[in-house]
Amino acid sequence: MNIVTEPKISGKPITEKPHKRPVRYLRWFIIVGVLLALLVGGLVWFNYFRGKMIAQFFATMKPPPTSVNIATAKSEVIPNLLTAVGDLAAVHQVNVTSDVNGRITEILFTAGATVKSGTPLVQLFDAPDQGDLASFKAQQRVAQLSLDRAKQLAERQFGPQATVDAAQSSFDQASAGIAKTQAIISQKLVRAPFDGELGVRRVEVGQYLTAGTQIVSLTDLSALYLNFTVTEKDSGQLKVGQTVRIAVDAYPGRPFEGKITTIEPQIATETRNIRVQATIQNPEKILKPGMFATTTVVLPDKPPVIIVPETAIDYTLYGDSVYLITEKKAEDGKTSLIATRTFVQTGNRVHGQAEVLKGLKDGDRVVSVGQLKLQSGAPVTISSDPTPPIPAKPPRY
């Protein structure tokens, strides 16, 4: 028989013992926290240090000097020129026509030939007029004989004065008929009205020519008119006799010269322009009527002004400016060149040069090529490369 014995149970309540966290876990959390703090602090310090170093780098960094071309401002008397556009016209030019109707029997000229005044050009059919002329000449001879006989009889008192008067009238009528017929015959022989060059022939032999029909053009090329207009503001500077220079597209780079001969006394109310005419001598006959001409009127000289190359001027909406070259002495005693933007007031531009009315003085050095790479106060060096020539630079007068 098995006997089961039970443990003794005391009267005290049964409670569990508290579970304590191991010391090693606490130490691990402390180490991780310290490491995280060090990492965050290091990142913060690195960013601060980096920003400080970048700012210090840019504060102490000096860009290398920019290589530029420079020019010296000079005080010069530049040509006082007034430019305009015009066209050439012949002093003597006409379309040769006939005064009367008729059939062309002979053409006496060659197209493009040079002719003198009075040279026959075209002959119209004039046989009937030649017959009338012969008839009037015969009548004149008979009338002359009758007049002489009547005068002799009247001197001897054998004839009345009335017979003399009648014979004189017959003679005068025959002479008038001859003069009229000769005028008609001369109209049927068309002649050149002045010296010049003929153009293209417009008629043919056998063609019936009506009065006013163009036969050929005739132009005197020894001298030409230059017609151009200027504004009302510039009209006060013009005078008869002033020199005018022109340039035409047919002969680039070759100037032609003339004198102002006429100034229109009235200003056009529609455009407020005044018409001016100059005469250009054309001994080589290379200028032609109808050519477009760039006109330059030479006006009296102005006082000396400061000029710089036009490429040195920076034209903007805020004003015109240049980069003025100045010398700056550093702490170590070395001298460097600095380009400083300087605003100027400009005037006319002539042959690649610009007038500077305010902002520069004689002898100042300015940047002529390379402004796009500059900022005000930037260091520069003078380039050894030659300054590029001005494109299509016209000759200076």
Protein backbone atom coordinates (compact mmCIF):
# COMPACT_ATOMS: atom_id res chain seq x y z
CA MET A 1 0.00 0.00 0.00
CA ASN A 2 1.45 3.31 -1.12
CA ILE A 3 1.29 6.26 1.17
CA VAL A 4 1.28 9.75 -0.39
CA THR A 5 2.70 12.45 1.67
CA GLU A 6 1.91 16.13 0.89
CA PRO A 7 4.33 18.95 1.49
CA LYS A 8 3.73 21.18 4.29
CA ILE A 9 2.01 24.37 3.42
CA SER A 10 2.82 27.36 5.44
CA GLY A 11 0.43 30.16 6.05
CA LYS A 12 2.47 32.74 4.15
CA PRO A 13 1.37 33.72 0.63
CA ILE A 14 3.46 32.45 -2.23
CA THR A 15 5.06 35.30 -4.32
CA GLU A 16 7.43 35.25 -7.41
CA LYS A 17 10.92 36.60 -7.13
CA PRO A 18 11.60 40.00 -9.12
CA HIS A 19 13.34 39.60 -12.51
CA LYS A 20 16.37 41.84 -12.67
CA ARG A 21 17.66 43.18 -16.18
CA PRO A 22 21.15 42.05 -16.81
CA VAL A 23 23.83 44.69 -16.40
CA ARG A 24 25.22 43.93 -19.83
CA TYR A 25 22.04 45.17 -21.62
CA LEU A 26 22.16 48.50 -19.85
CA ARG A 27 25.76 48.93 -20.74
CA TRP A 28 24.97 48.20 -24.41
CA PHE A 29 22.29 50.91 -24.60
CA ILE A 30 24.64 53.43 -23.03
CA ILE A 31 27.35 52.65 -25.59
CA VAL A 32 24.91 52.91 -28.52
CA GLY A 33 23.59 56.24 -27.24
CA VAL A 34 27.08 57.64 -26.86
CA LEU A 35 28.01 56.49 -30.35
CA LEU A 36 24.89 58.08 -31.85
CA ALA A 37 25.60 61.34 -30.06
CA LEU A 38 29.16 61.33 -31.33
CA LEU A 39 27.98 60.61 -34.89
CA VAL A 40 25.40 63.41 -34.90
CA GLY A 41 27.86 65.82 -33.35
CA GLY A 42 30.48 64.86 -35.91
CA LEU A 43 28.08 65.47 -38.78
CA VAL A 44 27.07 68.84 -37.38
CA TRP A 45 30.65 69.85 -36.85
CA PHE A 46 31.65 68.62 -40.35
CA ASN A 47 28.90 70.66 -42.02
CA TYR A 48 29.89 73.75 -40.03
CA PHE A 49 33.56 73.25 -40.84
CA ARG A 50 32.86 72.61 -44.52
CA GLY A 51 30.73 75.76 -44.87
CA LYS A 52 33.36 77.80 -43.11
CA MET A 53 36.11 76.46 -45.32
CA ILE A 54 34.04 77.05 -48.50
CA ALA A 55 33.28 80.62 -47.47
CA GLN A 56 36.92 81.19 -46.62
CA PHE A 57 37.98 79.69 -49.96
CA PHE A 58 35.72 81.93 -52.02
CA ALA A 59 36.60 84.93 -49.88
CA THR A 60 40.30 84.47 -50.50
CA MET A 61 40.06 83.08 -54.05
CA LYS A 62 41.11 85.54 -56.76
CA PRO A 63 40.14 84.73 -60.35
CA PRO A 64 42.96 84.82 -62.86
CA PRO A 65 43.27 88.06 -64.84
CA THR A 66 41.26 88.20 -68.07
CA SER A 67 43.18 88.82 -71.27
CA VAL A 68 41.70 91.79 -73.18
CA ASN A 69 42.63 94.25 -75.91
CA ILE A 70 42.75 97.88 -74.89
CA ALA A 71 42.59 101.21 -76.71
CA THR A 72 43.54 104.73 -75.71
CA ALA A 73 40.99 107.53 -75.76
CA LYS A 74 42.21 110.38 -77.96
CA SER A 75 41.14 113.95 -78.51
CA GLU A 76 40.77 114.48 -82.26
CA VAL A 77 38.94 116.60 -84.77
CA ILE A 78 36.79 114.09 -86.59
CA PRO A 79 35.03 114.74 -89.89
CA ASN A 80 31.65 116.39 -89.45
CA LEU A 81 29.57 114.37 -91.87
CA LEU A 82 25.88 114.26 -92.69
CA THR A 83 24.75 111.00 -94.25
CA ALA A 84 21.70 110.43 -96.42
CA VAL A 85 20.51 108.27 -99.29
CA GLY A 86 19.83 109.47 -102.80
CA ASP A 87 19.68 108.56 -106.46
CA LEU A 88 21.42 109.71 -109.60
CA ALA A 89 19.72 111.44 -112.52
CA ALA A 90 21.12 112.66 -115.82
CA VAL A 91 21.61 116.37 -116.36
CA HIS A 92 20.53 115.88 -119.99
CA GLN A 93 18.39 112.87 -120.86
CA VAL A 94 15.54 112.55 -123.35
CA ASN A 95 13.54 109.99 -125.29
CA VAL A 96 14.03 110.99 -128.90
CA THR A 97 10.69 111.21 -130.77
CA SER A 98 9.33 112.59 -134.04
CA ASP A 99 7.30 115.79 -134.31
CA VAL A 100 5.21 114.49 -137.24
CA ASN A 101 3.74 111.25 -138.49
CA GLY A 102 5.46 109.30 -141.22
CA ARG A 103 6.92 106.06 -142.45
CA ILE A 104 10.53 105.32 -141.57
CA THR A 105 12.65 104.97 -144.69
CA GLU A 106 16.09 104.90 -143.13
CA ILE A 107 17.66 104.45 -139.68
CA LEU A 108 20.91 106.37 -139.48
CA PHE A 109 22.23 105.40 -136.04
CA THR A 110 23.61 102.37 -134.19
CA ALA A 111 22.23 101.48 -130.77
CA GLY A 112 24.63 102.40 -127.98
CA ALA A 113 26.67 104.80 -130.13
CA THR A 114 27.97 108.16 -128.97
CA VAL A 115 26.61 111.00 -131.12
CA LYS A 116 27.03 114.73 -131.38
CA SER A 117 24.33 117.36 -131.34
CA GLY A 118 22.55 117.50 -134.73
CA THR A 119 23.54 113.99 -135.83
CA PRO A 120 20.77 112.52 -138.09
CA LEU A 121 19.05 109.54 -136.48
CA VAL A 122 15.92 108.61 -138.47
CA GLN A 123 14.62 109.64 -141.90
CA LEU A 124 10.87 109.64 -142.56
CA PHE A 125 9.28 109.45 -146.01
CA ASP A 126 9.35 113.03 -147.41
CA ALA A 127 9.07 112.62 -151.21
CA PRO A 128 5.78 114.62 -151.45
CA ASP A 129 7.30 117.41 -149.40
CA GLN A 130 10.36 117.45 -151.65
CA GLY A 131 8.02 117.81 -154.63
CA ASP A 132 6.19 120.70 -152.95
CA LEU A 133 9.55 122.33 -152.27
CA ALA A 134 10.55 122.11 -155.93
CA SER A 135 7.17 123.58 -156.96
CA PHE A 136 7.52 126.53 -154.58
CA LYS A 137 11.05 127.17 -155.76
CA ALA A 138 9.82 127.31 -159.40
CA GLN A 139 7.04 129.69 -158.37
CA GLN A 140 9.60 131.82 -156.57
CA ARG A 141 11.78 132.09 -159.71
CA VAL A 142 8.81 133.14 -161.86
CA ALA A 143 7.70 135.60 -159.20
CA GLN A 144 11.21 137.02 -159.00
CA LEU A 145 11.29 137.61 -162.75
CA SER A 146 7.87 139.23 -162.72
CA LEU A 147 8.86 141.44 -159.81
CA ASP A 148 12.06 142.61 -161.53
CA ARG A 149 10.18 143.42 -164.76
CA ALA A 150 7.44 145.29 -162.91
CA LYS A 151 10.02 147.39 -161.04
CA GLN A 152 11.82 148.31 -164.28
CA LEU A 153 8.58 149.40 -165.96
CA ALA A 154 7.54 151.35 -162.89
CA GLU A 155 10.87 153.19 -162.80
CA ARG A 156 10.34 154.29 -166.45
CA GLN A 157 6.76 155.30 -165.76
CA PHE A 158 5.48 152.57 -168.14
CA GLY A 159 3.72 150.49 -165.49
CA PRO A 160 1.58 151.14 -162.42
CA GLN A 161 2.79 150.55 -158.85
CA ALA A 162 -0.03 148.06 -158.34
CA THR A 163 1.73 145.64 -160.71
CA VAL A 164 4.87 145.86 -158.61
CA ASP A 165 2.93 145.18 -155.43
CA ALA A 166 1.18 142.16 -156.95
CA ALA A 167 4.52 140.71 -158.17
CA GLN A 168 6.04 141.30 -154.72
CA SER A 169 3.13 139.46 -153.08
CA SER A 170 3.53 136.48 -155.44
CA PHE A 171 7.25 136.34 -154.63
CA ASP A 172 6.62 136.48 -150.86
CA GLN A 173 4.03 133.70 -151.07
CA ALA A 174 6.43 131.47 -152.96
CA SER A 175 9.21 132.20 -150.38
CA ALA A 176 6.83 131.41 -147.51
CA GLY A 177 5.86 128.13 -149.17
CA ILE A 178 9.55 127.21 -149.50
CA ALA A 179 10.20 128.00 -145.79
CA LYS A 180 7.18 126.00 -144.66
CA THR A 181 8.06 123.00 -146.82
CA GLN A 182 11.68 123.08 -145.67
CA ALA A 183 10.47 123.07 -142.03
CA ILE A 184 8.27 120.03 -142.72
CA ILE A 185 11.17 118.27 -144.44
CA SER A 186 13.47 119.04 -141.49
CA GLN A 187 10.89 117.58 -139.08
CA LYS A 188 11.00 114.32 -141.03
CA LEU A 189 14.75 114.04 -140.45
CA VAL A 190 15.07 113.36 -136.68
CA ARG A 191 18.36 114.60 -135.22
CA ALA A 192 20.10 114.29 -131.85
CA PRO A 193 19.26 117.35 -129.72
CA PHE A 194 22.58 117.25 -127.78
CA ASP A 195 25.77 115.24 -127.32
CA GLY A 196 25.28 111.92 -125.60
CA GLU A 197 25.00 108.14 -125.75
CA LEU A 198 22.16 106.37 -127.48
CA GLY A 199 20.22 103.56 -125.87
CA VAL A 200 18.30 100.62 -127.29
CA ARG A 201 16.59 101.17 -130.67
CA ARG A 202 12.79 101.03 -130.45
CA VAL A 203 11.80 101.30 -134.16
CA GLU A 204 12.34 99.49 -137.45
CA VAL A 205 12.61 100.51 -141.09
CA GLY A 206 9.17 100.60 -142.73
CA GLN A 207 7.37 101.24 -139.45
CA TYR A 208 4.76 103.98 -139.51
CA LEU A 209 5.82 106.37 -136.80
CA THR A 210 3.26 108.56 -135.06
CA ALA A 211 4.25 111.81 -133.44
CA GLY A 212 5.53 111.26 -129.88
CA THR A 213 6.55 107.61 -130.34
CA GLN A 214 9.92 106.87 -128.71
CA ILE A 215 12.69 106.13 -131.18
CA VAL A 216 15.69 105.81 -128.85
CA SER A 217 16.91 107.26 -125.57
CA LEU A 218 19.72 109.81 -125.51
CA THR A 219 21.70 110.48 -122.33
CA ASP A 220 24.54 112.86 -121.60
CA LEU A 221 26.74 111.07 -119.02
CA SER A 222 29.38 113.79 -118.63
CA ALA A 223 27.63 115.06 -115.49
CA LEU A 224 24.88 113.72 -113.25
CA TYR A 225 22.53 115.12 -110.67
CA LEU A 226 22.45 113.60 -107.19
CA ASN A 227 19.04 114.04 -105.59
CA PHE A 228 18.64 113.36 -101.86
CA THR A 229 16.65 114.59 -98.88
CA VAL A 230 17.62 115.63 -95.37
CA THR A 231 15.54 116.32 -92.30
CA GLU A 232 14.33 119.75 -91.30
CA LYS A 233 16.73 119.67 -88.33
CA ASP A 234 19.77 119.22 -90.58
CA SER A 235 18.70 121.68 -93.27
CA GLY A 236 20.31 124.61 -91.46
CA GLN A 237 23.78 123.09 -91.90
CA LEU A 238 23.58 122.88 -95.69
CA LYS A 239 24.88 125.48 -98.12
CA VAL A 240 25.34 125.63 -101.86
CA GLY A 241 28.90 124.67 -102.77
CA GLN A 242 29.47 122.16 -99.97
CA THR A 243 31.29 118.96 -100.91
CA VAL A 244 29.26 115.79 -101.32
CA ARG A 245 30.77 112.32 -101.46
CA ILE A 246 28.82 109.32 -102.70
CA ALA A 247 29.29 105.57 -102.81
CA VAL A 248 27.45 103.23 -105.18
CA ASP A 249 27.06 99.46 -105.04
CA ALA A 250 28.47 99.01 -108.53
CA TYR A 251 31.91 100.31 -107.45
CA PRO A 252 32.39 99.41 -103.76
CA GLY A 253 35.17 101.24 -101.98
CA ARG A 254 35.46 103.93 -104.65
CA PRO A 255 34.22 107.39 -103.62
CA PHE A 256 32.86 109.98 -106.04
CA GLU A 257 32.71 113.68 -105.27
CA GLY A 258 30.52 116.61 -106.26
CA LYS A 259 29.11 119.93 -105.06
CA ILE A 260 25.69 120.97 -103.80
CA THR A 261 24.15 123.13 -106.52
CA THR A 262 20.51 123.50 -105.45
CA ILE A 263 18.64 123.48 -102.15
CA GLU A 264 14.86 123.37 -102.37
CA PRO A 265 13.48 126.55 -100.77
CA GLN A 266 10.44 124.71 -99.41
CA ILE A 267 10.21 121.93 -96.82
CA ALA A 268 7.73 119.14 -97.58
CA THR A 269 4.86 119.37 -95.11
CA GLU A 270 4.17 115.63 -95.32
CA THR A 271 7.65 114.43 -94.35
CA ARG A 272 9.34 117.58 -92.99
CA ASN A 273 12.25 116.85 -95.31
CA ILE A 274 14.02 119.19 -97.70
CA ARG A 275 15.20 118.17 -101.16
CA VAL A 276 18.82 118.82 -102.09
CA GLN A 277 20.53 118.44 -105.46
CA ALA A 278 24.24 118.10 -106.13
CA THR A 279 26.13 117.87 -109.40
CA ILE A 280 28.60 115.00 -109.87
CA GLN A 281 31.12 115.14 -112.69
CA ASN A 282 31.39 111.80 -114.52
CA PRO A 283 34.38 112.02 -116.88
CA GLU A 284 34.77 108.24 -117.08
CA LYS A 285 31.02 107.85 -117.68
CA ILE A 286 30.80 104.91 -115.29
CA LEU A 287 27.99 106.33 -113.16
CA LYS A 288 24.53 105.77 -114.60
CA PRO A 289 21.23 107.55 -114.04
CA GLY A 290 18.97 105.70 -111.62
CA MET A 291 21.78 104.35 -109.44
CA PHE A 292 21.20 104.24 -105.68
CA ALA A 293 23.83 106.31 -103.86
CA THR A 294 24.91 106.55 -100.22
CA THR A 295 25.46 110.25 -99.71
CA THR A 296 27.82 112.00 -97.31
CA VAL A 297 27.82 115.78 -97.01
CA VAL A 298 31.06 117.24 -95.62
CA LEU A 299 30.11 119.90 -93.05
CA PRO A 300 32.46 122.37 -91.28
CA ASP A 301 34.66 120.74 -88.63
CA LYS A 302 33.55 120.62 -85.00
CA PRO A 303 35.84 121.22 -81.98
CA PRO A 304 38.05 118.28 -80.92
CA VAL A 305 36.24 115.46 -79.12
CA ILE A 306 37.28 112.29 -77.28
CA ILE A 307 37.02 109.23 -79.51
CA VAL A 308 37.40 105.52 -78.82
CA PRO A 309 36.84 102.48 -81.03
CA GLU A 310 33.17 101.74 -81.41
CA THR A 311 33.79 98.21 -80.12
CA ALA A 312 34.75 99.66 -76.72
CA ILE A 313 31.23 100.99 -76.10
CA ASP A 314 28.76 98.69 -74.38
CA TYR A 315 25.28 99.81 -75.48
CA THR A 316 22.51 98.79 -73.06
CA LEU A 317 19.07 99.98 -72.01
CA TYR A 318 20.59 101.34 -68.81
CA GLY A 319 23.04 103.55 -70.66
CA ASP A 320 26.28 103.40 -72.60
CA SER A 321 29.41 102.36 -70.74
CA VAL A 322 33.05 101.36 -71.14
CA TYR A 323 35.49 99.36 -69.05
CA LEU A 324 38.09 101.84 -67.84
CA ILE A 325 41.55 100.40 -67.14
CA THR A 326 43.08 101.58 -63.85
CA GLU A 327 46.14 100.49 -61.87
CA LYS A 328 45.77 99.02 -58.37
CA LYS A 329 48.65 98.55 -55.96
CA ALA A 330 48.45 95.44 -53.75
CA GLU A 331 49.75 95.05 -50.20
CA ASP A 332 52.84 93.28 -51.43
CA GLY A 333 53.71 96.31 -53.58
CA LYS A 334 52.80 94.73 -56.91
CA THR A 335 50.69 96.68 -59.38
CA SER A 336 47.80 95.09 -61.27
CA LEU A 337 45.33 96.33 -63.89
CA ILE A 338 41.65 96.57 -62.98
CA ALA A 339 38.71 97.04 -65.39
CA THR A 340 36.00 99.26 -63.93
CA ARG A 341 32.67 99.83 -65.67
CA THR A 342 32.24 103.55 -66.33
CA PHE A 343 29.10 105.09 -67.81
CA VAL A 344 29.66 107.58 -70.63
CA GLN A 345 27.66 109.82 -72.92
CA THR A 346 28.26 109.06 -76.58
CA GLY A 347 27.74 111.09 -79.73
CA ASN A 348 28.09 110.29 -83.40
CA ARG A 349 29.82 107.21 -84.78
CA VAL A 350 32.13 107.74 -87.75
CA HIS A 351 34.15 105.05 -89.54
CA GLY A 352 34.34 102.68 -86.57
CA GLN A 353 35.05 105.45 -84.02
CA ALA A 354 32.59 106.71 -81.41
CA GLU A 355 32.45 110.17 -79.88
CA VAL A 356 32.51 110.27 -76.07
CA LEU A 357 31.01 113.53 -74.85
CA LYS A 358 31.22 112.78 -71.12
CA GLY A 359 32.91 110.19 -68.91
CA LEU A 360 36.41 109.93 -70.42
CA LYS A 361 39.42 112.18 -70.86
CA ASP A 362 42.34 112.21 -73.25
CA GLY A 363 44.75 109.36 -72.51
CA ASP A 364 42.33 107.05 -70.68
CA ARG A 365 42.67 103.38 -71.53
CA VAL A 366 39.56 101.32 -72.16
CA VAL A 367 38.85 97.71 -73.08
CA SER A 368 38.20 97.45 -76.81
CA VAL A 369 37.80 93.65 -77.13
CA GLY A 370 36.78 91.16 -74.46
CA GLN A 371 34.09 93.00 -72.45
CA LEU A 372 31.79 89.97 -72.38
CA LYS A 373 34.20 88.16 -70.05
CA LEU A 374 34.45 91.03 -67.56
CA GLN A 375 32.76 92.30 -64.44
CA SER A 376 33.40 95.66 -62.85
CA GLY A 377 36.55 95.45 -60.73
CA ALA A 378 37.90 92.33 -62.43
CA PRO A 379 41.69 92.07 -62.94
CA VAL A 380 42.86 92.08 -66.54
CA THR A 381 45.99 91.64 -68.58
CA ILE A 382 46.77 93.19 -71.94
CA SER A 383 46.56 90.66 -74.76
CA SER A 384 49.44 90.43 -77.19
CA ASP A 385 47.08 89.50 -80.01
CA PRO A 386 46.34 92.31 -82.49
CA THR A 387 42.95 93.96 -82.35
CA PRO A 388 40.60 92.51 -84.99
CA PRO A 389 40.00 94.93 -87.89
CA ILE A 390 36.65 96.63 -88.21
CA PRO A 391 34.57 94.72 -90.81
CA ALA A 392 34.09 96.58 -94.10
CA LYS A 393 35.92 99.60 -92.74
CA PRO A 394 35.30 102.55 -95.09
CA PRO A 395 38.10 104.97 -95.97
CA ARG A 396 38.52 107.98 -93.70
CA TYR A 397 38.16 111.33 -95.42
